[in-house]
Amino acid sequence: MNESIDALQLNLGGGGLMVMNVSLAVIMFGVALELQIDHFKAIFKEPKGVIAGFISQFLFLPAITYGVIWLLNPHPSFALGMMMVAACPGGNISNFFSQLAGGNTALSVSLTAIATLLAIIATPLNFTFWAGLYPPTAEILQAIRVDIYQVFQIVGLILGIPLILGMMVRHYKPALALKWTHWIKRFGIIFFGGFIVVAFSMNLEHFMDYVHLVIGLVFLHNLLALAGGYTWGKVFGLGDADCRSLAIETGIQNSGLGLLLIFTFFNALGGMALIAAWWGIWHIVAGFGMVFYWTKVVPRFKTHSNYA
């Protein structure tokens, strides 16, 4: 079974990788149209939230992922997939969930901006560092011989250039940016979502054969990310709205970027791709779950507590 997981290669169809590249870049450009220089200035005025978010995303999540892998000893390609997801920045829909959940949307947007910029360097370094520490995943890296400089280039092209272009449009043509932002962002997300559905249908048999092996891993991994993000906010003495945003920024990962890197550098390695693909589905479910908990369950609990 283990060998067959890594022998399996997911099929994207002709030109599928290019479609994924373009759709991720469009989504990032749409996100950047909402970003302003003020979002970065806010970091220096009130840095605690951003520092807590940086620690949660780029230090805590990869480290706790490494700990979980040591404890559970999953199949090496599953472990590598978990490390890849943990090394990615927050997902592009995190701002949406943060707003719905009553979080600090301004902090969420600032974290998205700074995390995306830092990810150009942090994602390749985090992934190779932690994967290199764990012998079974280090063995895969050596066998595949991933070129770290190519990873930098891909991440920079997909995240960095659209981010810079989008912010330039917002700065020099704000009216145009406001006019474009909603439909470009929605088009990118719908386009990417449609692509994932098509790719999923093309690989449905493979997914159904092995998904039961990754459901528990992804659930635990995502739960620790959400809880860890909220806890780091409390450690830094942040308010509840800020803590909610940190939880979402840590638990909603850019698994699309992870899938892109897996298809580009790991030849769609079965276990890695399954972990990232299921993350992409599950973190949306978890996001809506957290929105329901914070907007429906918590207020009701507080109301009952007041009457107690």
C-alpha atoms as a PDB file:
ATOM      1  CA  MET A   1       0.000   0.000   0.000  1.00  0.00           C
ATOM      2  CA  ASN A   2       2.741   2.493   0.950  1.00  0.00           C
ATOM      3  CA  GLU A   3       4.629   1.877  -2.262  1.00  0.00           C
ATOM      4  CA  SER A   4       1.463   2.233  -4.352  1.00  0.00           C
ATOM      5  CA  ILE A   5       0.726   5.634  -2.808  1.00  0.00           C
ATOM      6  CA  ASP A   6       4.007   7.036  -4.068  1.00  0.00           C
ATOM      7  CA  ALA A   7       3.697   5.224  -7.376  1.00  0.00           C
ATOM      8  CA  LEU A   8       0.407   7.016  -8.002  1.00  0.00           C
ATOM      9  CA  GLN A   9       0.640  10.300  -9.928  1.00  0.00           C
ATOM     10  CA  LEU A  10      -2.327  12.646 -10.113  1.00  0.00           C
ATOM     11  CA  ASN A  11      -3.317  13.770 -13.603  1.00  0.00           C
ATOM     12  CA  LEU A  12      -3.952  17.443 -14.384  1.00  0.00           C
ATOM     13  CA  GLY A  13      -4.569  16.964 -18.064  1.00  0.00           C
ATOM     14  CA  GLY A  14      -2.895  18.884 -20.887  1.00  0.00           C
ATOM     15  CA  GLY A  15      -1.784  22.340 -19.796  1.00  0.00           C
ATOM     16  CA  GLY A  16      -3.160  21.792 -16.289  1.00  0.00           C
ATOM     17  CA  LEU A  17      -0.054  23.076 -14.531  1.00  0.00           C
ATOM     18  CA  MET A  18      -0.104  26.286 -16.569  1.00  0.00           C
ATOM     19  CA  VAL A  19      -3.785  26.812 -15.712  1.00  0.00           C
ATOM     20  CA  MET A  20      -2.959  26.408 -12.020  1.00  0.00           C
ATOM     21  CA  ASN A  21      -0.086  28.901 -12.324  1.00  0.00           C
ATOM     22  CA  VAL A  22      -2.243  31.511 -14.029  1.00  0.00           C
ATOM     23  CA  SER A  23      -5.230  31.124 -11.698  1.00  0.00           C
ATOM     24  CA  LEU A  24      -3.073  31.459  -8.557  1.00  0.00           C
ATOM     25  CA  ALA A  25      -1.383  34.558  -9.992  1.00  0.00           C
ATOM     26  CA  VAL A  26      -4.774  36.102 -10.840  1.00  0.00           C
ATOM     27  CA  ILE A  27      -6.067  35.415  -7.328  1.00  0.00           C
ATOM     28  CA  MET A  28      -2.956  37.019  -5.836  1.00  0.00           C
ATOM     29  CA  PHE A  29      -3.308  40.037  -8.111  1.00  0.00           C
ATOM     30  CA  GLY A  30      -6.925  40.422  -6.985  1.00  0.00           C
ATOM     31  CA  VAL A  31      -5.905  40.271  -3.318  1.00  0.00           C
ATOM     32  CA  ALA A  32      -3.147  42.850  -3.929  1.00  0.00           C
ATOM     33  CA  LEU A  33      -5.644  45.308  -5.428  1.00  0.00           C
ATOM     34  CA  GLU A  34      -7.054  45.691  -1.907  1.00  0.00           C
ATOM     35  CA  LEU A  35      -3.678  46.321  -0.274  1.00  0.00           C
ATOM     36  CA  GLN A  36      -2.293  49.759   0.488  1.00  0.00           C
ATOM     37  CA  ILE A  37       0.984  51.078   1.850  1.00  0.00           C
ATOM     38  CA  ASP A  38      -0.965  51.924   5.006  1.00  0.00           C
ATOM     39  CA  HIS A  39      -1.355  48.216   5.713  1.00  0.00           C
ATOM     40  CA  PHE A  40       2.428  47.959   6.020  1.00  0.00           C
ATOM     41  CA  LYS A  41       2.676  51.211   7.992  1.00  0.00           C
ATOM     42  CA  ALA A  42       0.203  49.765  10.486  1.00  0.00           C
ATOM     43  CA  ILE A  43       2.728  47.033  11.247  1.00  0.00           C
ATOM     44  CA  PHE A  44       5.114  49.602  12.736  1.00  0.00           C
ATOM     45  CA  LYS A  45       2.371  51.408  14.654  1.00  0.00           C
ATOM     46  CA  GLU A  46       0.934  48.275  16.274  1.00  0.00           C
ATOM     47  CA  PRO A  47       3.429  45.481  15.642  1.00  0.00           C
ATOM     48  CA  LYS A  48       2.269  42.988  18.295  1.00  0.00           C
ATOM     49  CA  GLY A  49      -0.443  41.406  16.166  1.00  0.00           C
ATOM     50  CA  VAL A  50       1.769  41.041  13.104  1.00  0.00           C
ATOM     51  CA  ILE A  51       4.687  39.666  15.135  1.00  0.00           C
ATOM     52  CA  ALA A  52       2.359  37.131  16.775  1.00  0.00           C
ATOM     53  CA  GLY A  53       1.018  36.200  13.346  1.00  0.00           C
ATOM     54  CA  PHE A  54       4.517  35.829  11.907  1.00  0.00           C
ATOM     55  CA  ILE A  55       5.541  33.522  14.776  1.00  0.00           C
ATOM     56  CA  SER A  56       2.353  31.494  14.449  1.00  0.00           C
ATOM     57  CA  GLN A  57       2.563  31.037  10.670  1.00  0.00           C
ATOM     58  CA  PHE A  58       6.264  30.714   9.975  1.00  0.00           C
ATOM     59  CA  LEU A  59       7.687  29.315  13.232  1.00  0.00           C
ATOM     60  CA  PHE A  60       4.961  27.616  15.285  1.00  0.00           C
ATOM     61  CA  LEU A  61       3.096  25.803  12.500  1.00  0.00           C
ATOM     62  CA  PRO A  62       6.177  24.221  10.859  1.00  0.00           C
ATOM     63  CA  ALA A  63       7.582  23.277  14.286  1.00  0.00           C
ATOM     64  CA  ILE A  64       4.340  21.704  15.558  1.00  0.00           C
ATOM     65  CA  THR A  65       3.996  19.911  12.218  1.00  0.00           C
ATOM     66  CA  TYR A  66       7.452  18.437  12.730  1.00  0.00           C
ATOM     67  CA  GLY A  67       6.470  17.330  16.255  1.00  0.00           C
ATOM     68  CA  VAL A  68       3.259  15.672  15.049  1.00  0.00           C
ATOM     69  CA  ILE A  69       5.189  13.829  12.341  1.00  0.00           C
ATOM     70  CA  TRP A  70       7.700  12.505  14.873  1.00  0.00           C
ATOM     71  CA  LEU A  71       4.878  11.315  17.152  1.00  0.00           C
ATOM     72  CA  LEU A  72       2.609   9.760  14.522  1.00  0.00           C
ATOM     73  CA  ASN A  73       5.280   8.597  12.056  1.00  0.00           C
ATOM     74  CA  PRO A  74       3.076   8.868   8.937  1.00  0.00           C
ATOM     75  CA  HIS A  75       4.136   7.617   5.537  1.00  0.00           C
ATOM     76  CA  PRO A  76       7.097   9.799   4.394  1.00  0.00           C
ATOM     77  CA  SER A  77       5.245  11.353   1.461  1.00  0.00           C
ATOM     78  CA  PHE A  78       2.329  12.258   3.768  1.00  0.00           C
ATOM     79  CA  ALA A  79       4.837  13.846   6.141  1.00  0.00           C
ATOM     80  CA  LEU A  80       6.371  15.789   3.249  1.00  0.00           C
ATOM     81  CA  GLY A  81       2.915  17.007   2.214  1.00  0.00           C
ATOM     82  CA  MET A  82       2.210  18.220   5.757  1.00  0.00           C
ATOM     83  CA  MET A  83       5.524  20.076   5.793  1.00  0.00           C
ATOM     84  CA  MET A  84       4.761  21.670   2.430  1.00  0.00           C
ATOM     85  CA  VAL A  85       1.365  22.955   3.596  1.00  0.00           C
ATOM     86  CA  ALA A  86       2.869  24.250   6.859  1.00  0.00           C
ATOM     87  CA  ALA A  87       5.541  26.160   4.925  1.00  0.00           C
ATOM     88  CA  CYS A  88       2.995  27.996   2.754  1.00  0.00           C
ATOM     89  CA  PRO A  89       1.584  31.423   3.689  1.00  0.00           C
ATOM     90  CA  GLY A  90      -2.019  31.996   4.701  1.00  0.00           C
ATOM     91  CA  GLY A  91      -4.677  31.305   2.103  1.00  0.00           C
ATOM     92  CA  ASN A  92      -6.274  33.986  -0.030  1.00  0.00           C
ATOM     93  CA  ILE A  93      -9.714  33.435   1.526  1.00  0.00           C
ATOM     94  CA  SER A  94      -8.486  34.031   5.083  1.00  0.00           C
ATOM     95  CA  ASN A  95      -9.564  37.706   4.964  1.00  0.00           C
ATOM     96  CA  PHE A  96     -13.076  36.608   3.995  1.00  0.00           C
ATOM     97  CA  PHE A  97     -13.331  34.174   6.911  1.00  0.00           C
ATOM     98  CA  SER A  98     -11.800  36.665   9.328  1.00  0.00           C
ATOM     99  CA  GLN A  99     -14.455  39.229   8.467  1.00  0.00           C
ATOM    100  CA  LEU A 100     -17.315  36.712   8.791  1.00  0.00           C
ATOM    101  CA  ALA A 101     -15.971  35.414  12.122  1.00  0.00           C
ATOM    102  CA  GLY A 102     -15.798  38.840  13.762  1.00  0.00           C
ATOM    103  CA  GLY A 103     -12.016  39.028  13.589  1.00  0.00           C
ATOM    104  CA  ASN A 104      -9.822  42.058  12.994  1.00  0.00           C
ATOM    105  CA  THR A 105     -10.053  42.340   9.213  1.00  0.00           C
ATOM    106  CA  ALA A 106      -7.393  45.062   9.032  1.00  0.00           C
ATOM    107  CA  LEU A 107      -4.947  42.808  10.896  1.00  0.00           C
ATOM    108  CA  SER A 108      -5.893  39.888   8.645  1.00  0.00           C
ATOM    109  CA  VAL A 109      -5.217  41.931   5.494  1.00  0.00           C
ATOM    110  CA  SER A 110      -1.897  43.180   6.904  1.00  0.00           C
ATOM    111  CA  LEU A 111      -0.867  39.626   7.773  1.00  0.00           C
ATOM    112  CA  THR A 112      -1.805  38.440   4.283  1.00  0.00           C
ATOM    113  CA  ALA A 113       0.360  41.155   2.743  1.00  0.00           C
ATOM    114  CA  ILE A 114       3.432  40.628   4.909  1.00  0.00           C
ATOM    115  CA  ALA A 115       3.135  36.809   4.904  1.00  0.00           C
ATOM    116  CA  THR A 116       2.898  36.722   1.119  1.00  0.00           C
ATOM    117  CA  LEU A 117       6.026  38.843   0.741  1.00  0.00           C
ATOM    118  CA  LEU A 118       7.929  36.841   3.351  1.00  0.00           C
ATOM    119  CA  ALA A 119       6.778  33.560   1.792  1.00  0.00           C
ATOM    120  CA  ILE A 120       8.978  34.193  -1.248  1.00  0.00           C
ATOM    121  CA  ILE A 121      11.912  33.419   1.038  1.00  0.00           C
ATOM    122  CA  ALA A 122      10.302  31.716   4.046  1.00  0.00           C
ATOM    123  CA  THR A 123       8.340  29.007   2.204  1.00  0.00           C
ATOM    124  CA  PRO A 124      11.328  27.381   0.427  1.00  0.00           C
ATOM    125  CA  LEU A 125      13.598  27.762   3.483  1.00  0.00           C
ATOM    126  CA  ASN A 126      11.028  26.446   5.968  1.00  0.00           C
ATOM    127  CA  PHE A 127      10.132  23.490   3.816  1.00  0.00           C
ATOM    128  CA  THR A 128      13.689  22.373   3.063  1.00  0.00           C
ATOM    129  CA  PHE A 129      14.847  22.987   6.660  1.00  0.00           C
ATOM    130  CA  TRP A 130      12.180  20.884   8.391  1.00  0.00           C
ATOM    131  CA  ALA A 131      12.013  18.225   5.670  1.00  0.00           C
ATOM    132  CA  GLY A 132      15.795  17.899   5.860  1.00  0.00           C
ATOM    133  CA  LEU A 133      15.655  17.294   9.634  1.00  0.00           C
ATOM    134  CA  TYR A 134      13.376  14.266   9.395  1.00  0.00           C
ATOM    135  CA  PRO A 135      15.314  11.294   7.915  1.00  0.00           C
ATOM    136  CA  PRO A 136      12.467   9.712   5.870  1.00  0.00           C
ATOM    137  CA  THR A 137      11.578  13.024   4.168  1.00  0.00           C
ATOM    138  CA  ALA A 138      15.236  14.002   3.791  1.00  0.00           C
ATOM    139  CA  GLU A 139      15.698  10.773   1.837  1.00  0.00           C
ATOM    140  CA  ILE A 140      12.940  11.794  -0.612  1.00  0.00           C
ATOM    141  CA  LEU A 141      14.494  15.256  -1.041  1.00  0.00           C
ATOM    142  CA  GLN A 142      17.852  13.705  -1.853  1.00  0.00           C
ATOM    143  CA  ALA A 143      16.305  11.270  -4.336  1.00  0.00           C
ATOM    144  CA  ILE A 144      14.364  14.003  -6.145  1.00  0.00           C
ATOM    145  CA  ARG A 145      17.086  16.662  -5.759  1.00  0.00           C
ATOM    146  CA  VAL A 146      14.861  19.699  -5.427  1.00  0.00           C
ATOM    147  CA  ASP A 147      16.535  22.875  -6.688  1.00  0.00           C
ATOM    148  CA  ILE A 148      15.897  25.450  -3.939  1.00  0.00           C
ATOM    149  CA  TYR A 149      16.654  28.351  -6.281  1.00  0.00           C
ATOM    150  CA  GLN A 150      13.977  27.191  -8.706  1.00  0.00           C
ATOM    151  CA  VAL A 151      11.524  27.041  -5.808  1.00  0.00           C
ATOM    152  CA  PHE A 152      12.397  30.662  -4.970  1.00  0.00           C
ATOM    153  CA  GLN A 153      11.766  31.617  -8.596  1.00  0.00           C
ATOM    154  CA  ILE A 154       8.379  29.881  -8.820  1.00  0.00           C
ATOM    155  CA  VAL A 155       7.129  31.299  -5.507  1.00  0.00           C
ATOM    156  CA  GLY A 156       8.375  34.763  -6.488  1.00  0.00           C
ATOM    157  CA  LEU A 157       6.637  34.591  -9.856  1.00  0.00           C
ATOM    158  CA  ILE A 158       3.327  33.325  -8.491  1.00  0.00           C
ATOM    159  CA  LEU A 159       3.166  35.439  -5.321  1.00  0.00           C
ATOM    160  CA  GLY A 160       5.650  38.301  -5.545  1.00  0.00           C
ATOM    161  CA  ILE A 161       5.078  39.752  -9.015  1.00  0.00           C
ATOM    162  CA  PRO A 162       1.228  39.746  -8.866  1.00  0.00           C
ATOM    163  CA  LEU A 163       1.411  41.269  -5.367  1.00  0.00           C
ATOM    164  CA  ILE A 164       3.694  44.114  -6.487  1.00  0.00           C
ATOM    165  CA  LEU A 165       1.691  44.781  -9.671  1.00  0.00           C
ATOM    166  CA  GLY A 166      -1.599  44.791  -7.787  1.00  0.00           C
ATOM    167  CA  MET A 167      -0.304  47.190  -5.143  1.00  0.00           C
ATOM    168  CA  MET A 168       1.074  49.489  -7.852  1.00  0.00           C
ATOM    169  CA  VAL A 169      -2.333  49.626  -9.535  1.00  0.00           C
ATOM    170  CA  ARG A 170      -3.961  50.327  -6.162  1.00  0.00           C
ATOM    171  CA  HIS A 171      -1.470  53.111  -5.404  1.00  0.00           C
ATOM    172  CA  TYR A 172      -1.461  54.881  -8.777  1.00  0.00           C
ATOM    173  CA  LYS A 173      -4.991  54.048  -9.989  1.00  0.00           C
ATOM    174  CA  PRO A 174      -7.107  53.561  -6.848  1.00  0.00           C
ATOM    175  CA  ALA A 175     -10.448  54.058  -8.627  1.00  0.00           C
ATOM    176  CA  LEU A 176      -9.503  51.431 -11.206  1.00  0.00           C
ATOM    177  CA  ALA A 177      -8.330  49.044  -8.481  1.00  0.00           C
ATOM    178  CA  LEU A 178     -11.633  49.382  -6.596  1.00  0.00           C
ATOM    179  CA  LYS A 179     -13.521  48.786  -9.832  1.00  0.00           C
ATOM    180  CA  TRP A 180     -11.498  45.672 -10.693  1.00  0.00           C
ATOM    181  CA  THR A 181     -10.881  44.096  -7.323  1.00  0.00           C
ATOM    182  CA  HIS A 182     -14.118  42.239  -6.667  1.00  0.00           C
ATOM    183  CA  TRP A 183     -14.634  40.683 -10.071  1.00  0.00           C
ATOM    184  CA  ILE A 184     -10.944  39.804 -10.568  1.00  0.00           C
ATOM    185  CA  LYS A 185     -10.742  38.171  -7.158  1.00  0.00           C
ATOM    186  CA  ARG A 186     -14.008  36.324  -7.648  1.00  0.00           C
ATOM    187  CA  PHE A 187     -13.068  35.272 -11.171  1.00  0.00           C
ATOM    188  CA  GLY A 188      -9.713  33.935  -9.920  1.00  0.00           C
ATOM    189  CA  ILE A 189     -11.272  31.984  -7.049  1.00  0.00           C
ATOM    190  CA  ILE A 190     -14.124  30.603  -9.186  1.00  0.00           C
ATOM    191  CA  PHE A 191     -11.689  29.733 -11.984  1.00  0.00           C
ATOM    192  CA  PHE A 192      -9.308  27.997  -9.578  1.00  0.00           C
ATOM    193  CA  GLY A 193     -12.209  26.253  -7.837  1.00  0.00           C
ATOM    194  CA  GLY A 194     -13.526  25.018 -11.172  1.00  0.00           C
ATOM    195  CA  PHE A 195     -10.071  23.790 -12.122  1.00  0.00           C
ATOM    196  CA  ILE A 196      -9.800  21.865  -8.825  1.00  0.00           C
ATOM    197  CA  VAL A 197     -13.219  20.276  -9.404  1.00  0.00           C
ATOM    198  CA  VAL A 198     -12.186  19.141 -12.910  1.00  0.00           C
ATOM    199  CA  ALA A 199      -8.815  17.867 -11.667  1.00  0.00           C
ATOM    200  CA  PHE A 200     -10.573  16.117  -8.779  1.00  0.00           C
ATOM    201  CA  SER A 201     -13.032  14.377 -11.123  1.00  0.00           C
ATOM    202  CA  MET A 202     -10.135  13.216 -13.308  1.00  0.00           C
ATOM    203  CA  ASN A 203      -8.496  11.589 -10.265  1.00  0.00           C
ATOM    204  CA  LEU A 204     -11.621  10.550  -8.338  1.00  0.00           C
ATOM    205  CA  GLU A 205     -10.755   6.867  -8.272  1.00  0.00           C
ATOM    206  CA  HIS A 206      -7.286   7.516  -6.821  1.00  0.00           C
ATOM    207  CA  PHE A 207      -8.690   9.975  -4.292  1.00  0.00           C
ATOM    208  CA  MET A 208     -11.405   7.585  -3.064  1.00  0.00           C
ATOM    209  CA  ASP A 209      -8.870   4.761  -2.742  1.00  0.00           C
ATOM    210  CA  TYR A 210      -6.534   6.687  -0.432  1.00  0.00           C
ATOM    211  CA  VAL A 211      -8.367   9.633   1.126  1.00  0.00           C
ATOM    212  CA  HIS A 212      -9.204   7.657   4.280  1.00  0.00           C
ATOM    213  CA  LEU A 213      -5.467   7.583   5.015  1.00  0.00           C
ATOM    214  CA  VAL A 214      -5.138  11.382   5.080  1.00  0.00           C
ATOM    215  CA  ILE A 215      -8.446  12.569   6.613  1.00  0.00           C
ATOM    216  CA  GLY A 216      -7.290  12.132  10.215  1.00  0.00           C
ATOM    217  CA  LEU A 217      -3.866  13.665   9.581  1.00  0.00           C
ATOM    218  CA  VAL A 218      -5.303  16.773   7.924  1.00  0.00           C
ATOM    219  CA  PHE A 219      -8.006  17.181  10.579  1.00  0.00           C
ATOM    220  CA  LEU A 220      -5.462  17.052  13.423  1.00  0.00           C
ATOM    221  CA  HIS A 221      -2.977  19.253  11.567  1.00  0.00           C
ATOM    222  CA  ASN A 222      -5.602  21.905  10.822  1.00  0.00           C
ATOM    223  CA  LEU A 223      -7.018  21.802  14.355  1.00  0.00           C
ATOM    224  CA  LEU A 224      -3.568  22.411  15.849  1.00  0.00           C
ATOM    225  CA  ALA A 225      -2.998  25.288  13.399  1.00  0.00           C
ATOM    226  CA  LEU A 226      -6.279  27.004  14.345  1.00  0.00           C
ATOM    227  CA  ALA A 227      -5.818  26.465  18.085  1.00  0.00           C
ATOM    228  CA  GLY A 228      -2.156  27.471  17.928  1.00  0.00           C
ATOM    229  CA  GLY A 229      -2.900  30.718  16.102  1.00  0.00           C
ATOM    230  CA  TYR A 230      -5.523  31.706  18.678  1.00  0.00           C
ATOM    231  CA  THR A 231      -3.213  30.759  21.555  1.00  0.00           C
ATOM    232  CA  TRP A 232      -0.324  32.845  20.207  1.00  0.00           C
ATOM    233  CA  GLY A 233      -2.653  35.827  20.141  1.00  0.00           C
ATOM    234  CA  LYS A 234      -3.450  35.276  23.820  1.00  0.00           C
ATOM    235  CA  VAL A 235       0.242  34.858  24.672  1.00  0.00           C
ATOM    236  CA  PHE A 236       0.860  38.294  23.136  1.00  0.00           C
ATOM    237  CA  GLY A 237      -2.030  39.797  25.107  1.00  0.00           C
ATOM    238  CA  LEU A 238      -4.171  40.523  22.038  1.00  0.00           C
ATOM    239  CA  GLY A 239      -7.924  41.013  22.071  1.00  0.00           C
ATOM    240  CA  ASP A 240     -10.387  38.331  21.018  1.00  0.00           C
ATOM    241  CA  ALA A 241     -10.920  39.775  17.511  1.00  0.00           C
ATOM    242  CA  ASP A 242      -7.154  39.760  16.875  1.00  0.00           C
ATOM    243  CA  CYS A 243      -6.862  36.193  18.190  1.00  0.00           C
ATOM    244  CA  ARG A 244      -9.611  35.048  15.842  1.00  0.00           C
ATOM    245  CA  SER A 245      -7.767  36.535  12.880  1.00  0.00           C
ATOM    246  CA  LEU A 246      -4.502  34.872  13.940  1.00  0.00           C
ATOM    247  CA  ALA A 247      -6.265  31.516  14.242  1.00  0.00           C
ATOM    248  CA  ILE A 248      -7.709  31.858  10.727  1.00  0.00           C
ATOM    249  CA  GLU A 249      -4.461  33.129   9.199  1.00  0.00           C
ATOM    250  CA  THR A 250      -2.642  30.108  10.652  1.00  0.00           C
ATOM    251  CA  GLY A 251      -5.346  27.531   9.884  1.00  0.00           C
ATOM    252  CA  ILE A 252      -6.296  28.674   6.364  1.00  0.00           C
ATOM    253  CA  GLN A 253      -3.201  27.845   4.332  1.00  0.00           C
ATOM    254  CA  ASN A 254      -2.428  28.517   0.667  1.00  0.00           C
ATOM    255  CA  SER A 255      -2.618  24.824  -0.212  1.00  0.00           C
ATOM    256  CA  GLY A 256      -3.011  25.817  -3.872  1.00  0.00           C
ATOM    257  CA  LEU A 257       0.578  27.070  -3.810  1.00  0.00           C
ATOM    258  CA  GLY A 258       1.574  23.841  -2.098  1.00  0.00           C
ATOM    259  CA  LEU A 259      -0.083  21.787  -4.850  1.00  0.00           C
ATOM    260  CA  LEU A 260       1.657  23.857  -7.501  1.00  0.00           C
ATOM    261  CA  LEU A 261       5.078  23.188  -5.949  1.00  0.00           C
ATOM    262  CA  ILE A 262       4.257  19.498  -5.551  1.00  0.00           C
ATOM    263  CA  PHE A 263       3.298  19.151  -9.220  1.00  0.00           C
ATOM    264  CA  THR A 264       6.273  21.232 -10.365  1.00  0.00           C
ATOM    265  CA  PHE A 265       9.081  19.740  -8.292  1.00  0.00           C
ATOM    266  CA  PHE A 266       7.815  16.388  -6.977  1.00  0.00           C
ATOM    267  CA  ASN A 267       6.095  15.043 -10.102  1.00  0.00           C
ATOM    268  CA  ALA A 268       2.706  14.951  -8.301  1.00  0.00           C
ATOM    269  CA  LEU A 269       4.051  12.552  -5.632  1.00  0.00           C
ATOM    270  CA  GLY A 270       0.947  10.679  -4.488  1.00  0.00           C
ATOM    271  CA  GLY A 271       1.041  11.151  -0.713  1.00  0.00           C
ATOM    272  CA  MET A 272       2.101  14.797  -0.884  1.00  0.00           C
ATOM    273  CA  ALA A 273      -0.578  15.696  -3.430  1.00  0.00           C
ATOM    274  CA  LEU A 274      -3.324  13.933  -1.453  1.00  0.00           C
ATOM    275  CA  ILE A 275      -2.444  15.821   1.732  1.00  0.00           C
ATOM    276  CA  ALA A 276      -2.397  19.214  -0.008  1.00  0.00           C
ATOM    277  CA  ALA A 277      -5.568  18.481  -1.985  1.00  0.00           C
ATOM    278  CA  TRP A 278      -7.516  17.412   1.092  1.00  0.00           C
ATOM    279  CA  TRP A 279      -6.187  20.435   3.005  1.00  0.00           C
ATOM    280  CA  GLY A 280      -7.572  22.621   0.223  1.00  0.00           C
ATOM    281  CA  ILE A 281     -11.022  21.121   0.765  1.00  0.00           C
ATOM    282  CA  TRP A 282     -10.967  20.743   4.538  1.00  0.00           C
ATOM    283  CA  HIS A 283      -9.704  24.213   5.503  1.00  0.00           C
ATOM    284  CA  ILE A 284     -12.763  25.735   3.797  1.00  0.00           C
ATOM    285  CA  VAL A 285     -15.026  23.472   5.860  1.00  0.00           C
ATOM    286  CA  ALA A 286     -13.029  24.355   8.987  1.00  0.00           C
ATOM    287  CA  GLY A 287     -13.224  28.074   8.146  1.00  0.00           C
ATOM    288  CA  PHE A 288     -17.016  28.012   7.968  1.00  0.00           C
ATOM    289  CA  GLY A 289     -17.017  25.898  11.129  1.00  0.00           C
ATOM    290  CA  MET A 290     -15.046  28.557  13.010  1.00  0.00           C
ATOM    291  CA  VAL A 291     -17.371  31.283  11.667  1.00  0.00           C
ATOM    292  CA  PHE A 292     -20.379  29.339  12.989  1.00  0.00           C
ATOM    293  CA  TYR A 293     -18.697  28.729  16.353  1.00  0.00           C
ATOM    294  CA  TRP A 294     -17.679  32.347  16.930  1.00  0.00           C
ATOM    295  CA  THR A 295     -20.868  33.976  15.627  1.00  0.00           C
ATOM    296  CA  LYS A 296     -23.519  31.495  16.832  1.00  0.00           C
ATOM    297  CA  VAL A 297     -22.175  29.269  19.600  1.00  0.00           C
ATOM    298  CA  VAL A 298     -20.024  31.753  21.551  1.00  0.00           C
ATOM    299  CA  PRO A 299     -22.691  34.526  21.751  1.00  0.00           C
ATOM    300  CA  ARG A 300     -25.306  31.969  22.855  1.00  0.00           C
ATOM    301  CA  PHE A 301     -22.916  30.558  25.467  1.00  0.00           C
ATOM    302  CA  LYS A 302     -22.218  34.068  26.806  1.00  0.00           C
ATOM    303  CA  THR A 303     -25.949  34.815  26.958  1.00  0.00           C
ATOM    304  CA  HIS A 304     -26.629  31.657  28.982  1.00  0.00           C
ATOM    305  CA  SER A 305     -23.649  32.417  31.231  1.00  0.00           C
ATOM    306  CA  ASN A 306     -25.057  35.866  32.009  1.00  0.00           C
ATOM    307  CA  TYR A 307     -28.281  34.300  33.190  1.00  0.00           C
ATOM    308  CA  ALA A 308     -26.482  31.675  35.265  1.00  0.00           C
END
